[in-house]
Amino acid sequence: MAITHTTDQNFQADVEQAEGLVIVDFWAPWCGPCRMIAPVLEQLDKEFEGKVKIVKLNVDENPSNPGRFGIMGIPTLLLFKDGKVVDKIVGFQPKENFVKAINAHL
């Protein structure tokens, strides 16, 4: 399954109405650590295919949801389970930290 790029308009359908675990990457193209996380997310997308949906939201183009969820800095990743926030990862992290967070909520 490919990583989904969502917008403020599609966020509810892509994330909040999705069943199971969804990771939302709040990012921007100019953000260095955001670019460092991108290949890690692609690896996770392959490893957890069918178990986890990964969604990216460009905070520059979509300001309403970052505000709604209190996103102060990027990259920030929120883990949603059945539409509810269950975890938060801020800043660049090693892949193992993401795997640990995902496994805790599967």
Protein backbone atom coordinates (compact mmCIF):
# COMPACT_ATOMS: atom_id res chain seq x y z
CA MET A 1 0.00 0.00 0.00
CA ALA A 2 1.38 3.41 -0.90
CA ILE A 3 1.67 6.31 1.50
CA THR A 4 -1.38 8.56 1.23
CA HIS A 5 -1.04 12.33 0.92
CA THR A 6 -4.06 13.94 2.55
CA THR A 7 -5.47 17.45 2.87
CA ASP A 8 -7.50 19.26 5.50
CA GLN A 9 -10.57 18.47 3.37
CA ASN A 10 -9.86 14.71 3.18
CA PHE A 11 -8.38 14.26 6.68
CA GLN A 12 -11.58 13.00 8.27
CA ALA A 13 -12.12 10.34 5.60
CA ASP A 14 -8.44 9.35 5.31
CA VAL A 15 -7.66 9.29 9.04
CA GLU A 16 -10.52 9.75 11.48
CA GLN A 17 -12.93 7.39 9.73
CA ALA A 18 -10.27 4.78 8.95
CA GLU A 19 -10.34 1.51 10.85
CA GLY A 20 -7.21 0.23 12.53
CA LEU A 21 -3.90 2.01 12.97
CA VAL A 22 -3.08 5.16 10.95
CA ILE A 23 0.16 7.12 11.29
CA VAL A 24 -0.10 10.77 10.26
CA ASP A 25 3.14 12.56 9.41
CA PHE A 26 2.73 16.32 9.83
CA TRP A 27 5.53 17.65 7.61
CA ALA A 28 6.68 20.36 5.19
CA PRO A 29 8.98 20.17 2.14
CA TRP A 30 11.49 22.66 3.64
CA CYS A 31 11.92 20.63 6.87
CA GLY A 32 15.21 18.68 6.93
CA PRO A 33 14.20 16.15 9.65
CA CYS A 34 10.92 15.59 7.75
CA ARG A 35 12.92 14.58 4.69
CA MET A 36 15.03 12.25 6.87
CA ILE A 37 11.91 10.48 8.14
CA ALA A 38 10.43 9.93 4.65
CA PRO A 39 12.53 6.81 3.77
CA VAL A 40 11.87 5.35 7.23
CA LEU A 41 8.12 5.75 6.67
CA GLU A 42 8.44 4.06 3.27
CA GLN A 43 10.18 1.08 4.92
CA LEU A 44 7.49 0.91 7.63
CA ASP A 45 4.79 1.08 4.95
CA LYS A 46 6.25 -2.06 3.32
CA GLU A 47 6.93 -3.91 6.59
CA PHE A 48 3.49 -3.27 8.07
CA GLU A 49 1.54 -3.50 4.81
CA GLY A 50 -2.10 -4.29 5.50
CA LYS A 51 -1.68 -3.52 9.22
CA VAL A 52 -0.85 0.20 9.24
CA LYS A 53 -1.88 3.06 6.96
CA ILE A 54 0.63 5.91 6.63
CA VAL A 55 -0.67 9.36 5.76
CA LYS A 56 1.29 12.57 5.17
CA LEU A 57 -0.15 16.07 5.71
CA ASN A 58 1.78 19.10 4.41
CA VAL A 59 1.31 21.66 7.22
CA ASP A 60 2.04 24.64 4.93
CA GLU A 61 -0.80 23.76 2.56
CA ASN A 62 -3.17 22.43 5.26
CA PRO A 63 -3.07 24.60 8.40
CA SER A 64 -6.35 23.58 10.02
CA ASN A 65 -5.60 20.03 11.23
CA PRO A 66 -2.16 20.81 12.69
CA GLY A 67 -3.90 23.52 14.74
CA ARG A 68 -6.70 21.17 15.74
CA PHE A 69 -4.22 18.61 17.08
CA GLY A 70 -1.84 21.10 18.71
CA ILE A 71 1.09 20.42 16.39
CA MET A 72 3.81 22.87 17.50
CA GLY A 73 6.82 21.60 15.57
CA ILE A 74 7.50 19.26 12.69
CA PRO A 75 7.99 16.50 12.06
CA THR A 76 5.28 15.33 14.43
CA LEU A 77 3.65 11.95 13.89
CA LEU A 78 0.33 11.09 15.47
CA LEU A 79 -0.85 7.50 15.72
CA PHE A 80 -4.60 7.12 15.36
CA LYS A 81 -6.40 3.90 16.21
CA ASP A 82 -9.98 3.68 14.94
CA GLY A 83 -10.06 7.48 14.58
CA LYS A 84 -8.63 8.41 18.02
CA VAL A 85 -5.13 9.69 18.80
CA VAL A 86 -3.29 7.01 20.79
CA ASP A 87 0.34 8.12 20.52
CA LYS A 88 2.61 10.98 19.42
CA ILE A 89 6.19 10.97 18.13
CA VAL A 90 7.97 14.33 17.83
CA GLY A 91 11.12 14.91 15.80
CA PHE A 92 13.34 12.52 13.91
CA GLN A 93 13.60 9.14 15.63
CA PRO A 94 15.37 5.89 14.81
CA LYS A 95 13.22 3.36 12.99
CA GLU A 96 13.10 1.08 16.08
CA ASN A 97 11.16 3.76 17.98
CA PHE A 98 8.48 3.79 15.28
CA VAL A 99 8.33 -0.02 15.24
CA LYS A 100 7.93 -0.07 19.04
CA ALA A 101 5.12 2.51 18.92
CA ILE A 102 3.33 0.66 16.09
CA ASN A 103 3.58 -2.72 17.84
CA ALA A 104 2.24 -1.21 21.07
CA HIS A 105 -1.02 -0.30 19.29
CA LEU A 106 -1.56 -3.19 16.87
